[in-house]
Amino acid sequence: MKFLDFNFITPFKLVLSGKAKAMGLPTLLGEITILPDHATLYAVLQRGIGWIVLLQEDKKEDFIIEGGFLEVNNNKITILVDEIITDSQIKQVELQNIKKQDITSEVEKLKLLQLSIQERKGKRFYE
């Protein structure tokens, strides 16, 4: 099975690396999807939400980037970003914020978390 090797690098360190089946990134010209054997590509990234399907987990994970540059060459992806926030980091911070609030109802906690995630992805949640 073919896969993509990827590295997310900020000005300070290598933040995230691994193997993926596919990746989507926000470029200045729109969202791009990268699959194994993609043609060589260089692109400017803009602030937005990207996604990745990790090879070992086989599920889509979202992340937020603050812009940067992309290089795709021979199934290797290098992403130079100003900042990246992963889906797990977002959920962890949101859960911590929910715990800080004195909410006793489990239903209210779930509604607040769902609203927060939907707003972060640029959508509105209406009941």
Protein backbone atom coordinates (compact mmCIF):
# COMPACT_ATOMS: atom_id res chain seq x y z
CA MET A 1 0.00 0.00 0.00
CA LYS A 2 1.34 3.41 -0.95
CA PHE A 3 1.41 6.21 1.60
CA LEU A 4 2.65 9.75 2.18
CA ASP A 5 5.47 10.69 4.58
CA PHE A 6 4.67 14.07 6.12
CA ASN A 7 6.36 16.65 8.37
CA PHE A 8 4.76 19.75 9.90
CA ILE A 9 7.51 22.17 10.85
CA THR A 10 7.12 25.50 12.68
CA PRO A 11 9.90 28.09 12.98
CA PHE A 12 10.83 26.47 16.29
CA LYS A 13 10.56 22.69 15.84
CA LEU A 14 9.18 19.66 14.07
CA VAL A 15 5.63 19.51 15.42
CA LEU A 16 4.07 16.50 13.75
CA SER A 17 5.29 13.77 11.43
CA GLY A 18 4.18 10.37 10.25
CA LYS A 19 2.55 8.43 7.46
CA ALA A 20 -0.79 9.24 5.86
CA LYS A 21 -3.19 7.93 3.25
CA ALA A 22 -4.38 11.39 2.24
CA MET A 23 -4.20 15.04 3.27
CA GLY A 24 -6.17 18.22 2.57
CA LEU A 25 -4.70 21.70 2.98
CA PRO A 26 -6.00 25.26 2.48
CA THR A 27 -3.96 27.04 -0.21
CA LEU A 28 -4.35 30.55 -1.59
CA LEU A 29 -6.21 29.07 -4.57
CA GLY A 30 -8.48 26.81 -2.52
CA GLU A 31 -8.31 23.48 -0.75
CA ILE A 32 -6.01 20.85 -2.21
CA THR A 33 -6.18 17.09 -1.63
CA ILE A 34 -2.93 15.15 -1.75
CA LEU A 35 -2.88 11.40 -2.39
CA PRO A 36 0.05 9.00 -2.91
CA ASP A 37 1.91 9.53 -6.22
CA HIS A 38 0.81 13.18 -6.38
CA ALA A 39 2.75 15.30 -8.87
CA THR A 40 5.51 17.52 -7.51
CA LEU A 41 3.88 20.63 -6.07
CA TYR A 42 4.83 23.83 -4.26
CA ALA A 43 2.08 25.99 -2.78
CA VAL A 44 1.45 28.87 -0.39
CA LEU A 45 -0.88 27.91 2.44
CA GLN A 46 -3.41 30.22 4.01
CA ARG A 47 -5.00 30.21 7.44
CA GLY A 48 -7.67 27.56 7.64
CA ILE A 49 -8.69 24.03 8.45
CA GLY A 50 -6.88 21.08 6.97
CA TRP A 51 -7.33 17.35 7.43
CA ILE A 52 -5.28 14.18 7.36
CA VAL A 53 -6.08 10.47 7.21
CA LEU A 54 -3.32 8.75 9.17
CA LEU A 55 -2.14 5.41 7.84
CA GLN A 56 -2.42 3.50 11.12
CA GLU A 57 -5.71 5.00 12.36
CA ASP A 58 -7.69 5.17 9.10
CA LYS A 59 -9.77 8.11 10.33
CA LYS A 60 -9.83 11.76 9.37
CA GLU A 61 -8.25 14.22 11.80
CA ASP A 62 -8.71 17.97 11.46
CA PHE A 63 -6.16 20.66 12.24
CA ILE A 64 -5.91 24.43 11.99
CA ILE A 65 -2.92 26.17 10.42
CA GLU A 66 -1.93 29.82 10.36
CA GLY A 67 -0.48 29.77 6.86
CA GLY A 68 2.85 28.67 5.45
CA PHE A 69 4.36 26.72 2.55
CA LEU A 70 3.87 23.25 1.12
CA GLU A 71 6.21 20.97 -0.81
CA VAL A 72 5.10 17.63 -2.27
CA ASN A 73 7.76 15.48 -3.92
CA ASN A 74 8.02 11.67 -4.32
CA ASN A 75 5.32 10.91 -1.67
CA LYS A 76 7.05 13.20 0.83
CA ILE A 77 5.17 16.21 2.12
CA THR A 78 6.90 19.04 3.95
CA ILE A 79 4.63 21.68 5.46
CA LEU A 80 6.27 24.79 6.87
CA VAL A 81 3.67 26.52 9.03
CA ASP A 82 3.60 29.50 11.34
CA GLU A 83 1.46 27.50 13.77
CA ILE A 84 -0.60 24.31 13.82
CA ILE A 85 -3.31 23.25 16.23
CA THR A 86 -4.44 19.65 16.00
CA ASP A 87 -7.96 18.31 16.54
CA SER A 88 -6.89 16.58 19.77
CA GLN A 89 -5.41 19.85 21.11
CA ILE A 90 -8.64 21.69 20.29
CA LYS A 91 -10.77 19.08 22.04
CA GLN A 92 -8.47 19.01 25.08
CA VAL A 93 -8.63 22.80 25.52
CA GLU A 94 -12.39 22.82 25.01
CA LEU A 95 -12.88 20.06 27.58
CA GLN A 96 -10.71 21.96 30.06
CA ASN A 97 -12.78 25.09 29.50
CA ILE A 98 -15.99 23.13 30.01
CA LYS A 99 -14.68 21.67 33.27
CA LYS A 100 -13.82 25.18 34.50
CA GLN A 101 -17.40 26.26 33.98
CA ASP A 102 -19.83 25.08 36.62
CA ILE A 103 -22.07 23.05 34.31
CA THR A 104 -23.77 20.15 36.04
CA SER A 105 -25.76 18.65 33.20
CA GLU A 106 -23.95 16.22 30.89
CA VAL A 107 -26.32 17.24 28.09
CA GLU A 108 -25.31 20.88 28.46
CA LYS A 109 -21.62 19.91 28.31
CA LEU A 110 -22.14 17.98 25.07
CA LYS A 111 -24.12 20.81 23.48
CA LEU A 112 -21.44 23.34 24.45
CA LEU A 113 -18.67 21.13 23.05
CA GLN A 114 -20.54 20.54 19.78
CA LEU A 115 -21.22 24.26 19.37
CA SER A 116 -17.58 25.10 20.05
CA ILE A 117 -16.26 22.58 17.49
CA GLN A 118 -18.77 23.69 14.83
CA GLU A 119 -17.88 27.37 15.31
CA ARG A 120 -14.16 26.55 15.10
CA LYS A 121 -14.78 24.91 11.72
CA GLY A 122 -16.61 28.01 10.46
CA LYS A 123 -20.10 26.60 10.66
CA ARG A 124 -23.09 27.54 12.77
CA PHE A 125 -24.88 24.98 14.89
CA TYR A 126 -28.62 25.48 15.23
CA GLU A 127 -30.90 23.24 17.23
